[in-house]
N, C-alpha and C. Protein backbone atom coordinates (compact mmCIF):
# COMPACT_ATOMS: atom_id res chain seq x y z
N MET A 1 36.65 214.57 32.68
CA MET A 1 36.11 213.26 32.31
C MET A 1 35.93 212.35 33.53
N PRO A 2 36.91 212.23 34.42
CA PRO A 2 36.70 211.34 35.55
C PRO A 2 35.51 211.74 36.41
N GLY A 3 35.23 213.04 36.54
CA GLY A 3 34.08 213.48 37.32
C GLY A 3 32.78 212.98 36.71
N LYS A 4 32.65 213.12 35.41
CA LYS A 4 31.45 212.63 34.71
C LYS A 4 31.34 211.12 34.84
N ALA A 5 32.46 210.44 34.69
CA ALA A 5 32.44 208.98 34.78
C ALA A 5 32.02 208.53 36.17
N SER A 6 32.47 209.25 37.20
CA SER A 6 32.09 208.88 38.56
C SER A 6 30.60 209.03 38.78
N LYS A 7 30.02 210.11 38.26
CA LYS A 7 28.58 210.31 38.38
C LYS A 7 27.82 209.23 37.64
N ARG A 8 28.28 208.90 36.45
CA ARG A 8 27.62 207.85 35.66
C ARG A 8 27.76 206.50 36.36
N LEU A 9 28.92 206.27 36.94
CA LEU A 9 29.14 205.01 37.65
C LEU A 9 28.17 204.88 38.81
N LEU A 10 28.02 205.93 39.59
CA LEU A 10 27.10 205.89 40.72
C LEU A 10 25.67 205.62 40.25
N LYS A 11 25.27 206.30 39.19
CA LYS A 11 23.93 206.10 38.63
C LYS A 11 23.75 204.65 38.17
N CYS A 12 24.75 204.12 37.49
CA CYS A 12 24.67 202.74 36.98
C CYS A 12 24.64 201.73 38.11
N LEU A 13 25.45 201.95 39.12
CA LEU A 13 25.48 201.01 40.23
C LEU A 13 24.16 201.00 40.99
N LYS A 14 23.53 202.16 41.10
CA LYS A 14 22.22 202.22 41.74
C LYS A 14 21.20 201.45 40.91
N ALA A 15 21.28 201.59 39.60
CA ALA A 15 20.32 200.93 38.71
C ALA A 15 20.52 199.42 38.68
N THR A 16 21.73 198.97 38.97
CA THR A 16 22.03 197.54 38.85
C THR A 16 22.35 196.89 40.19
N ALA A 17 21.91 197.51 41.26
CA ALA A 17 22.24 197.00 42.60
C ALA A 17 21.76 195.56 42.79
N LYS A 18 20.67 195.18 42.12
CA LYS A 18 20.13 193.83 42.26
C LYS A 18 20.98 192.79 41.53
N ASP A 19 21.69 193.23 40.51
CA ASP A 19 22.48 192.30 39.70
C ASP A 19 23.96 192.65 39.84
N GLU A 20 24.65 191.92 40.68
CA GLU A 20 26.05 192.22 40.99
C GLU A 20 26.96 192.13 39.76
N LYS A 21 26.74 191.14 38.92
CA LYS A 21 27.58 190.96 37.73
C LYS A 21 27.41 192.13 36.77
N ALA A 22 26.18 192.58 36.57
CA ALA A 22 25.94 193.72 35.69
C ALA A 22 26.62 194.97 36.24
N ALA A 23 26.57 195.16 37.54
CA ALA A 23 27.22 196.31 38.15
C ALA A 23 28.74 196.25 37.94
N GLU A 24 29.30 195.08 38.10
CA GLU A 24 30.74 194.90 37.91
C GLU A 24 31.15 195.20 36.47
N LEU A 25 30.39 194.70 35.51
CA LEU A 25 30.71 194.93 34.11
C LEU A 25 30.51 196.39 33.71
N THR A 26 29.47 197.00 34.24
CA THR A 26 29.23 198.42 33.96
C THR A 26 30.39 199.25 34.48
N HIS A 27 30.87 198.93 35.66
CA HIS A 27 32.02 199.63 36.23
C HIS A 27 33.25 199.44 35.35
N ALA A 28 33.48 198.21 34.89
CA ALA A 28 34.63 197.93 34.03
C ALA A 28 34.57 198.74 32.74
N LEU A 29 33.37 198.86 32.19
CA LEU A 29 33.21 199.63 30.95
C LEU A 29 33.49 201.11 31.19
N LEU A 30 33.01 201.65 32.28
CA LEU A 30 33.27 203.06 32.58
C LEU A 30 34.75 203.32 32.82
N VAL A 31 35.41 202.44 33.53
CA VAL A 31 36.85 202.58 33.75
C VAL A 31 37.59 202.52 32.42
N THR A 32 37.17 201.61 31.55
CA THR A 32 37.78 201.49 30.23
C THR A 32 37.62 202.78 29.45
N ARG A 33 36.46 203.37 29.49
CA ARG A 33 36.23 204.63 28.78
C ARG A 33 37.15 205.73 29.28
N VAL A 34 37.31 205.82 30.59
CA VAL A 34 38.20 206.83 31.17
C VAL A 34 39.63 206.59 30.71
N GLU A 35 40.08 205.33 30.73
CA GLU A 35 41.43 205.00 30.28
C GLU A 35 41.63 205.37 28.81
N ILE A 36 40.63 205.06 27.99
CA ILE A 36 40.71 205.34 26.56
C ILE A 36 40.82 206.85 26.32
N GLU A 37 40.00 207.62 27.00
CA GLU A 37 40.03 209.07 26.83
C GLU A 37 41.37 209.65 27.29
N ALA A 38 41.96 209.07 28.32
CA ALA A 38 43.25 209.55 28.80
C ALA A 38 44.37 209.26 27.80
N LEU A 39 44.27 208.14 27.10
CA LEU A 39 45.31 207.76 26.14
C LEU A 39 45.19 208.48 24.80
N LYS A 40 44.00 208.90 24.45
CA LYS A 40 43.74 209.43 23.11
C LYS A 40 44.68 210.57 22.71
N PRO A 41 44.87 211.62 23.52
CA PRO A 41 45.75 212.71 23.08
C PRO A 41 47.17 212.24 22.81
N LEU A 42 47.68 211.37 23.65
CA LEU A 42 49.04 210.87 23.47
C LEU A 42 49.18 210.13 22.14
N VAL A 43 48.23 209.25 21.85
CA VAL A 43 48.29 208.45 20.62
C VAL A 43 48.12 209.34 19.40
N PHE A 44 47.12 210.21 19.42
CA PHE A 44 46.82 210.99 18.24
C PHE A 44 47.87 212.07 17.97
N ASN A 45 48.57 212.53 18.99
CA ASN A 45 49.58 213.56 18.79
C ASN A 45 50.93 213.00 18.35
N THR A 46 51.19 211.74 18.63
CA THR A 46 52.53 211.22 18.38
C THR A 46 52.60 210.05 17.40
N ALA A 47 51.51 209.34 17.19
CA ALA A 47 51.62 208.05 16.52
C ALA A 47 51.40 208.07 15.02
N GLY A 48 50.76 209.06 14.47
CA GLY A 48 50.46 209.05 13.04
C GLY A 48 49.35 208.07 12.72
N LYS A 49 49.16 207.81 11.41
CA LYS A 49 48.04 206.96 10.98
C LYS A 49 48.14 205.53 11.51
N ALA A 50 49.33 204.96 11.50
CA ALA A 50 49.48 203.57 11.97
C ALA A 50 49.13 203.47 13.45
N GLY A 51 49.56 204.44 14.23
CA GLY A 51 49.26 204.44 15.66
C GLY A 51 47.78 204.60 15.93
N ARG A 52 47.13 205.45 15.15
CA ARG A 52 45.69 205.65 15.32
C ARG A 52 44.92 204.38 15.00
N ALA A 53 45.33 203.68 13.95
CA ALA A 53 44.66 202.43 13.59
C ALA A 53 44.85 201.39 14.69
N ARG A 54 46.05 201.31 15.23
CA ARG A 54 46.32 200.37 16.32
C ARG A 54 45.50 200.73 17.57
N TYR A 55 45.44 202.02 17.87
CA TYR A 55 44.64 202.51 19.01
C TYR A 55 43.17 202.14 18.83
N ASN A 56 42.63 202.39 17.65
CA ASN A 56 41.22 202.08 17.39
C ASN A 56 40.95 200.59 17.52
N LYS A 57 41.88 199.76 17.07
CA LYS A 57 41.71 198.31 17.19
C LYS A 57 41.72 197.88 18.65
N VAL A 58 42.62 198.42 19.44
CA VAL A 58 42.68 198.09 20.87
C VAL A 58 41.38 198.48 21.56
N VAL A 59 40.88 199.66 21.23
CA VAL A 59 39.62 200.14 21.83
C VAL A 59 38.48 199.19 21.46
N ARG A 60 38.36 198.87 20.18
CA ARG A 60 37.28 197.97 19.74
C ARG A 60 37.38 196.62 20.43
N ASP A 61 38.59 196.06 20.48
CA ASP A 61 38.77 194.74 21.10
C ASP A 61 38.39 194.76 22.58
N ARG A 62 38.82 195.80 23.28
CA ARG A 62 38.53 195.88 24.73
C ARG A 62 37.03 196.01 24.98
N LEU A 63 36.35 196.86 24.22
CA LEU A 63 34.92 197.05 24.41
C LEU A 63 34.13 195.81 23.98
N ASN A 64 34.57 195.14 22.92
CA ASN A 64 33.91 193.90 22.50
C ASN A 64 34.05 192.82 23.56
N LYS A 65 35.21 192.73 24.19
CA LYS A 65 35.42 191.74 25.24
C LYS A 65 34.47 191.99 26.40
N LEU A 66 34.32 193.25 26.80
CA LEU A 66 33.40 193.57 27.89
C LEU A 66 31.96 193.26 27.51
N ALA A 67 31.59 193.54 26.27
CA ALA A 67 30.23 193.26 25.82
C ALA A 67 29.95 191.76 25.82
N GLU A 68 30.94 190.97 25.41
CA GLU A 68 30.79 189.51 25.43
C GLU A 68 30.59 189.00 26.85
N GLU A 69 31.36 189.55 27.79
CA GLU A 69 31.23 189.13 29.18
C GLU A 69 29.84 189.45 29.71
N ALA A 70 29.30 190.57 29.28
CA ALA A 70 27.98 190.99 29.76
C ALA A 70 26.88 190.10 29.22
N LYS A 71 27.03 189.67 27.96
CA LYS A 71 26.01 188.87 27.28
C LYS A 71 24.63 189.49 27.47
N GLY A 72 24.58 190.76 27.27
CA GLY A 72 23.34 191.50 27.40
C GLY A 72 23.66 192.98 27.53
N PRO A 73 22.63 193.79 27.62
CA PRO A 73 22.86 195.23 27.67
C PRO A 73 23.47 195.65 29.01
N LEU A 74 24.37 196.60 28.95
CA LEU A 74 24.91 197.20 30.16
C LEU A 74 24.01 198.39 30.48
N VAL A 75 23.29 198.32 31.55
CA VAL A 75 22.30 199.34 31.86
C VAL A 75 22.96 200.66 32.22
N GLY A 76 22.24 201.72 31.94
CA GLY A 76 22.69 203.05 32.32
C GLY A 76 23.69 203.69 31.39
N LEU A 77 24.00 203.04 30.26
CA LEU A 77 24.97 203.63 29.34
C LEU A 77 24.33 203.96 28.03
């Protein structure tokens, strides 16, 4: 996963080189995705239904916060 994320990050940064804020937010979103994927096995193997619901809420909240900061589409995703 980190290898794919790095390639996507490079592609996104090239596409958004003119807009520094968009590049920063795109990077934050990709880092968030990598973090989420890394946590998923731990949560799903140990937490049961309540843990999964809490995990899903945290993921939604984090991605919604990034989308609000962007106030527009994050290019390249």
